[in-house]
Amino acid sequence: KVACYTAYPEPGYTVDDLYAYVMAGALTGVEVNRSVAAVDVTPEGVDKMSGIAALLDRTGASWSDVLAIGDSWNDLPMLGAARLSACPANAAPEVKAVVDYVSPLPATRGVVDILRWTVGRAAASVS
């Protein structure tokens, strides 16, 4: 991401409450997305998919080289473009429905599990 403001709800409030509050501000020139844990505000057109596309362009790699890990609705385009996709256990149901692997572990422990799953796949394909 080029720039991102991430807001986490205070105790007693939900992500949905915070999202509604931010959306009521009618901000222009930005995209507002919610995840399972927070609300992200980014410049229009700046998201994980555009960031990966820029990296792939600079390195000469392609989407067939990408493992995408996401947990929220705004990750769906990126997850669909990658060769492999995965999510932690706390991901949104819509994300779990489209990925190649759903870790049984949440959050960062899930990411570690996903990386181990990926290494296991690579080792199995070499054997």
Protein backbone atom coordinates (compact mmCIF):
# COMPACT_ATOMS: atom_id res chain seq x y z
CA LYS A 1 0.00 0.00 0.00
CA VAL A 2 1.22 3.46 -0.81
CA ALA A 3 -0.66 4.96 2.10
CA CYS A 4 -3.20 3.54 4.47
CA TYR A 5 -4.95 4.65 7.61
CA THR A 6 -6.20 1.75 9.70
CA ALA A 7 -8.67 2.39 12.50
CA TYR A 8 -9.53 -0.16 15.17
CA PRO A 9 -12.76 0.18 17.14
CA GLU A 10 -12.58 1.21 20.75
CA PRO A 11 -13.95 -1.23 23.35
CA GLY A 12 -17.72 -1.23 23.23
CA TYR A 13 -17.84 -0.58 19.48
CA THR A 14 -17.70 -2.96 16.53
CA VAL A 15 -15.97 -2.78 13.17
CA ASP A 16 -19.42 -2.25 11.64
CA ASP A 17 -20.02 0.74 13.96
CA LEU A 18 -16.66 2.25 12.99
CA TYR A 19 -17.25 1.57 9.28
CA ALA A 20 -20.63 3.33 9.41
CA TYR A 21 -19.04 6.32 11.16
CA VAL A 22 -16.25 6.62 8.58
CA MET A 23 -18.67 6.19 5.66
CA ALA A 24 -20.91 8.94 7.09
CA GLY A 25 -17.99 11.32 6.54
CA ALA A 26 -18.50 11.01 2.75
CA LEU A 27 -14.77 11.14 2.06
CA THR A 28 -13.73 11.67 -1.56
CA GLY A 29 -10.68 10.27 -3.34
CA VAL A 30 -10.39 7.32 -0.98
CA GLU A 31 -11.63 3.78 -0.62
CA VAL A 32 -12.95 2.60 2.72
CA ASN A 33 -12.82 -1.13 3.44
CA ARG A 34 -13.52 -3.09 6.55
CA SER A 35 -11.81 -6.23 7.64
CA VAL A 36 -12.71 -8.58 10.45
CA ALA A 37 -10.71 -6.38 12.83
CA ALA A 38 -10.47 -2.82 11.49
CA VAL A 39 -11.42 -0.18 8.91
CA ASP A 40 -8.84 0.78 6.26
CA VAL A 41 -8.86 4.07 4.36
CA THR A 42 -6.63 4.13 1.27
CA PRO A 43 -6.32 6.35 -1.82
CA GLU A 44 -8.61 5.22 -4.66
CA GLY A 45 -7.07 2.37 -6.62
CA VAL A 46 -4.51 1.54 -3.95
CA ASP A 47 -5.00 -1.90 -2.47
CA LYS A 48 -3.15 -5.17 -2.00
CA MET A 49 -3.85 -6.23 -5.57
CA SER A 50 -2.42 -3.04 -7.07
CA GLY A 51 0.61 -3.28 -4.77
CA ILE A 52 1.34 -6.85 -5.81
CA ALA A 53 0.79 -5.95 -9.48
CA ALA A 54 3.37 -3.16 -9.15
CA LEU A 55 5.84 -5.54 -7.51
CA LEU A 56 5.29 -8.16 -10.21
CA ASP A 57 5.82 -5.54 -12.90
CA ARG A 58 9.09 -4.43 -11.32
CA THR A 59 10.41 -7.95 -10.84
CA GLY A 60 9.13 -9.56 -14.03
CA ALA A 61 7.27 -12.20 -12.02
CA SER A 62 3.64 -13.13 -12.64
CA TRP A 63 0.51 -13.91 -10.64
CA SER A 64 1.33 -17.60 -11.11
CA ASP A 65 4.25 -17.00 -8.71
CA VAL A 66 2.06 -15.53 -5.94
CA LEU A 67 0.76 -16.98 -2.69
CA ALA A 68 -1.90 -14.55 -1.48
CA ILE A 69 -3.03 -14.55 2.15
CA GLY A 70 -6.09 -12.58 3.15
CA ASP A 71 -8.91 -12.50 5.66
CA SER A 72 -11.37 -9.88 4.45
CA TRP A 73 -13.71 -8.96 1.63
CA ASN A 74 -11.29 -6.44 0.15
CA ASP A 75 -8.78 -9.29 -0.32
CA LEU A 76 -11.05 -11.25 -2.68
CA PRO A 77 -9.67 -9.84 -5.99
CA MET A 78 -6.08 -10.52 -4.90
CA LEU A 79 -6.93 -14.03 -3.70
CA GLY A 80 -8.58 -14.81 -7.03
CA ALA A 81 -5.61 -13.60 -9.06
CA ALA A 82 -2.92 -15.59 -7.22
CA ARG A 83 -1.78 -19.10 -8.08
CA LEU A 84 -2.29 -20.15 -4.46
CA SER A 85 -4.51 -18.50 -1.90
CA ALA A 86 -5.08 -19.07 1.79
CA CYS A 87 -6.60 -17.50 4.87
CA PRO A 88 -6.44 -17.83 8.65
CA ALA A 89 -9.33 -19.35 10.61
CA ASN A 90 -10.74 -15.94 11.53
CA ALA A 91 -11.29 -14.91 7.90
CA ALA A 92 -14.65 -13.80 6.58
CA PRO A 93 -16.82 -16.68 5.31
CA GLU A 94 -16.67 -15.28 1.75
CA VAL A 95 -12.88 -15.55 1.85
CA LYS A 96 -12.91 -19.08 3.23
CA ALA A 97 -15.18 -20.11 0.35
CA VAL A 98 -12.67 -19.17 -2.38
CA VAL A 99 -9.19 -19.95 -1.05
CA ASP A 100 -7.11 -23.06 -1.63
CA TYR A 101 -6.36 -23.51 2.07
CA VAL A 102 -8.04 -22.40 5.29
CA SER A 103 -5.73 -22.60 8.28
CA PRO A 104 -7.24 -24.02 11.46
CA LEU A 105 -5.42 -21.24 13.35
CA PRO A 106 -6.42 -17.55 13.58
CA ALA A 107 -4.51 -14.36 12.79
CA THR A 108 -0.71 -14.46 12.75
CA ARG A 109 -0.57 -18.07 13.96
CA GLY A 110 -2.68 -18.87 10.92
CA VAL A 111 -0.21 -17.07 8.65
CA VAL A 112 2.65 -19.16 10.07
CA ASP A 113 0.58 -22.30 9.48
CA ILE A 114 -0.13 -21.18 5.90
CA LEU A 115 3.57 -20.68 5.23
CA ARG A 116 4.27 -24.17 6.58
CA TRP A 117 1.48 -25.54 4.34
CA THR A 118 3.07 -23.82 1.35
CA VAL A 119 6.52 -25.24 2.11
CA GLY A 120 4.95 -28.69 2.52
CA ARG A 121 3.30 -28.37 -0.91
CA ALA A 122 6.60 -27.35 -2.48
CA ALA A 123 8.45 -30.25 -0.84
CA ALA A 124 5.78 -32.72 -1.97
CA SER A 125 5.98 -31.51 -5.58
CA VAL A 126 9.75 -32.06 -5.62
CA SER A 127 9.48 -35.63 -4.34
